[in-house]
């Protein structure tokens, strides 16, 4: 029944669609009911696939979906 985390990654994408202003890793992990380190694992996979991008804002790192045609 292991889907290589695809269902979690799909949930992350859906949450980011609802948060166009960005969301922190901690907030995302809380909304997903995951430990922050577990969420980070999936975020690294999505970032490597150029599905999401991050932006540092002070000490926080905000997550966003990559826009169409946007370069990493």
N, C-alpha and C. Protein backbone atom coordinates (compact mmCIF):
# COMPACT_ATOMS: atom_id res chain seq x y z
N UNK A 1 0.82 -1.19 0.00
CA UNK A 1 0.00 0.00 0.00
C UNK A 1 0.86 1.26 0.00
N UNK A 2 2.17 1.10 -0.13
CA UNK A 2 3.10 2.23 -0.16
C UNK A 2 3.03 2.92 -1.52
N UNK A 3 2.67 4.18 -1.52
CA UNK A 3 2.57 4.94 -2.77
C UNK A 3 3.72 5.91 -2.90
N UNK A 4 4.84 5.62 -2.22
CA UNK A 4 6.04 6.47 -2.24
C UNK A 4 5.72 7.91 -1.83
N UNK A 5 4.74 8.09 -0.97
CA UNK A 5 4.40 9.41 -0.47
C UNK A 5 3.63 10.28 -1.42
N UNK A 6 3.15 9.69 -2.52
CA UNK A 6 2.43 10.50 -3.52
C UNK A 6 1.19 11.16 -2.92
N UNK A 7 0.47 10.47 -2.05
CA UNK A 7 -0.73 11.08 -1.46
C UNK A 7 -0.35 12.27 -0.58
N UNK A 8 0.75 12.16 0.15
CA UNK A 8 1.20 13.27 0.99
C UNK A 8 1.64 14.44 0.10
N UNK A 9 2.39 14.14 -0.96
CA UNK A 9 2.84 15.20 -1.86
C UNK A 9 1.66 15.88 -2.53
N UNK A 10 0.64 15.11 -2.88
CA UNK A 10 -0.58 15.70 -3.47
C UNK A 10 -1.28 16.61 -2.47
N UNK A 11 -1.32 16.20 -1.20
CA UNK A 11 -1.93 17.04 -0.15
C UNK A 11 -1.14 18.33 0.03
N UNK A 12 0.18 18.24 -0.05
CA UNK A 12 1.03 19.44 0.07
C UNK A 12 0.72 20.41 -1.06
N UNK A 13 0.64 19.90 -2.29
CA UNK A 13 0.33 20.75 -3.44
C UNK A 13 -1.03 21.41 -3.26
N UNK A 14 -2.01 20.66 -2.80
CA UNK A 14 -3.36 21.23 -2.59
C UNK A 14 -3.33 22.33 -1.53
N UNK A 15 -2.60 22.10 -0.44
CA UNK A 15 -2.50 23.13 0.61
C UNK A 15 -1.79 24.38 0.09
N UNK A 16 -0.76 24.20 -0.71
CA UNK A 16 -0.05 25.36 -1.25
C UNK A 16 -0.91 26.14 -2.25
N UNK A 17 -1.81 25.45 -2.94
CA UNK A 17 -2.74 26.14 -3.84
C UNK A 17 -3.65 27.07 -3.04
N UNK A 18 -3.97 26.66 -1.81
CA UNK A 18 -4.84 27.45 -0.94
C UNK A 18 -4.09 28.57 -0.23
N UNK A 19 -2.76 28.57 -0.31
CA UNK A 19 -1.93 29.55 0.40
C UNK A 19 -1.01 30.30 -0.58
N UNK A 20 -1.56 31.07 -1.50
CA UNK A 20 -0.72 31.75 -2.50
C UNK A 20 0.27 32.74 -1.88
N UNK A 21 0.01 33.18 -0.64
CA UNK A 21 0.92 34.11 0.02
C UNK A 21 2.08 33.39 0.70
N UNK A 22 2.09 32.06 0.62
CA UNK A 22 3.16 31.25 1.19
C UNK A 22 2.81 30.71 2.56
N UNK A 23 3.53 29.69 2.95
CA UNK A 23 3.30 29.03 4.23
C UNK A 23 4.63 28.47 4.72
N UNK A 24 4.83 28.46 6.03
CA UNK A 24 6.08 27.92 6.56
C UNK A 24 6.01 26.40 6.63
N UNK A 25 7.17 25.79 6.75
CA UNK A 25 7.24 24.33 6.88
C UNK A 25 6.51 23.89 8.13
N UNK A 26 6.68 24.61 9.22
CA UNK A 26 6.02 24.26 10.48
C UNK A 26 4.51 24.31 10.34
N UNK A 27 3.99 25.36 9.71
CA UNK A 27 2.54 25.47 9.50
C UNK A 27 2.03 24.34 8.62
N UNK A 28 2.76 24.06 7.56
CA UNK A 28 2.37 23.00 6.64
C UNK A 28 2.34 21.65 7.36
N UNK A 29 3.38 21.35 8.13
CA UNK A 29 3.44 20.09 8.87
C UNK A 29 2.27 19.97 9.83
N UNK A 30 1.94 21.07 10.50
CA UNK A 30 0.81 21.06 11.44
C UNK A 30 -0.50 20.76 10.71
N UNK A 31 -0.72 21.42 9.58
CA UNK A 31 -1.96 21.20 8.81
C UNK A 31 -2.06 19.76 8.30
N UNK A 32 -0.91 19.16 7.98
CA UNK A 32 -0.90 17.78 7.48
C UNK A 32 -0.91 16.75 8.59
N UNK A 33 -0.64 17.17 9.82
CA UNK A 33 -0.57 16.23 10.93
C UNK A 33 0.70 15.40 10.88
N UNK A 34 1.78 15.99 10.35
CA UNK A 34 3.06 15.30 10.22
C UNK A 34 4.10 15.97 11.10
N UNK A 35 5.15 15.22 11.44
CA UNK A 35 6.31 15.81 12.10
C UNK A 35 7.00 16.71 11.09
N UNK A 36 7.62 17.78 11.56
CA UNK A 36 8.27 18.74 10.66
C UNK A 36 9.32 18.06 9.77
N UNK A 37 10.08 17.13 10.33
CA UNK A 37 11.11 16.45 9.55
C UNK A 37 10.51 15.57 8.45
N UNK A 38 9.38 14.96 8.73
CA UNK A 38 8.70 14.14 7.72
C UNK A 38 8.21 15.02 6.58
N UNK A 39 7.60 16.15 6.93
CA UNK A 39 7.13 17.08 5.90
C UNK A 39 8.30 17.59 5.06
N UNK A 40 9.43 17.87 5.71
CA UNK A 40 10.61 18.37 5.01
C UNK A 40 11.10 17.37 3.96
N UNK A 41 11.03 16.09 4.27
CA UNK A 41 11.44 15.05 3.31
C UNK A 41 10.65 15.18 2.01
N UNK A 42 9.33 15.32 2.13
CA UNK A 42 8.49 15.44 0.95
C UNK A 42 8.70 16.77 0.24
N UNK A 43 8.97 17.82 1.01
CA UNK A 43 9.21 19.12 0.41
C UNK A 43 10.49 19.12 -0.42
N UNK A 44 11.53 18.43 0.06
CA UNK A 44 12.77 18.32 -0.72
C UNK A 44 12.50 17.62 -2.05
N UNK A 45 11.66 16.58 -2.02
CA UNK A 45 11.32 15.86 -3.25
C UNK A 45 10.58 16.77 -4.22
N UNK A 46 9.61 17.53 -3.70
CA UNK A 46 8.84 18.44 -4.55
C UNK A 46 9.71 19.58 -5.08
N UNK A 47 10.62 20.08 -4.26
CA UNK A 47 11.51 21.14 -4.71
C UNK A 47 12.45 20.60 -5.79
N UNK A 48 12.95 19.39 -5.62
CA UNK A 48 13.81 18.78 -6.62
C UNK A 48 13.11 18.57 -7.95
N UNK A 49 11.79 18.36 -7.89
CA UNK A 49 10.99 18.18 -9.10
C UNK A 49 10.50 19.53 -9.65
N UNK A 50 10.92 20.64 -9.02
CA UNK A 50 10.55 22.00 -9.41
C UNK A 50 9.05 22.27 -9.33
N UNK A 51 8.39 21.58 -8.38
CA UNK A 51 6.96 21.80 -8.16
C UNK A 51 6.77 22.97 -7.19
N UNK A 52 7.68 23.11 -6.23
CA UNK A 52 7.58 24.18 -5.25
C UNK A 52 8.88 24.98 -5.24
N UNK A 53 8.80 26.15 -4.62
CA UNK A 53 9.98 26.98 -4.40
C UNK A 53 9.90 27.54 -2.99
N UNK A 54 11.03 28.01 -2.48
CA UNK A 54 11.07 28.59 -1.15
C UNK A 54 11.63 30.00 -1.24
N UNK A 55 11.29 30.80 -0.23
CA UNK A 55 11.79 32.17 -0.13
C UNK A 55 12.03 32.46 1.34
N UNK A 56 13.23 32.93 1.65
CA UNK A 56 13.56 33.28 3.03
C UNK A 56 12.96 34.63 3.37
N UNK A 57 12.27 34.68 4.50
CA UNK A 57 11.71 35.93 5.02
C UNK A 57 12.13 35.99 6.48
N UNK A 58 13.18 36.76 6.74
CA UNK A 58 13.75 36.77 8.09
C UNK A 58 14.23 35.36 8.41
N UNK A 59 13.90 34.87 9.60
CA UNK A 59 14.33 33.51 9.97
C UNK A 59 13.45 32.41 9.36
N UNK A 60 12.32 32.80 8.80
CA UNK A 60 11.38 31.82 8.25
C UNK A 60 11.68 31.55 6.78
N UNK A 61 11.25 30.39 6.33
CA UNK A 61 11.35 30.02 4.91
C UNK A 61 9.92 29.72 4.45
N UNK A 62 9.43 30.54 3.52
CA UNK A 62 8.07 30.35 3.02
C UNK A 62 8.08 29.44 1.80
N UNK A 63 7.04 28.64 1.68
CA UNK A 63 6.87 27.70 0.58
C UNK A 63 5.79 28.19 -0.37
N UNK A 64 6.02 28.02 -1.65
CA UNK A 64 5.07 28.41 -2.69
C UNK A 64 5.07 27.35 -3.78
N UNK A 65 3.97 27.28 -4.52
CA UNK A 65 3.97 26.48 -5.74
C UNK A 65 4.71 27.27 -6.80
N UNK A 66 5.45 26.59 -7.64
CA UNK A 66 6.09 27.26 -8.77
C UNK A 66 5.02 27.69 -9.74
N UNK A 67 5.14 28.92 -10.26
CA UNK A 67 4.19 29.40 -11.26
C UNK A 67 4.50 28.78 -12.61
N UNK A 68 3.54 28.78 -13.47
CA UNK A 68 3.75 28.26 -14.82
C UNK A 68 4.83 29.05 -15.52
N UNK A 69 5.78 28.35 -16.08
CA UNK A 69 6.84 28.99 -16.82
C UNK A 69 7.89 29.66 -15.95
N UNK A 70 7.75 29.56 -14.66
CA UNK A 70 8.69 30.21 -13.74
C UNK A 70 9.94 29.35 -13.59
N UNK A 71 11.09 29.97 -13.59
CA UNK A 71 12.35 29.25 -13.42
C UNK A 71 12.69 29.15 -11.94
N UNK A 72 13.32 28.06 -11.56
CA UNK A 72 13.75 27.84 -10.18
C UNK A 72 14.92 28.73 -9.85
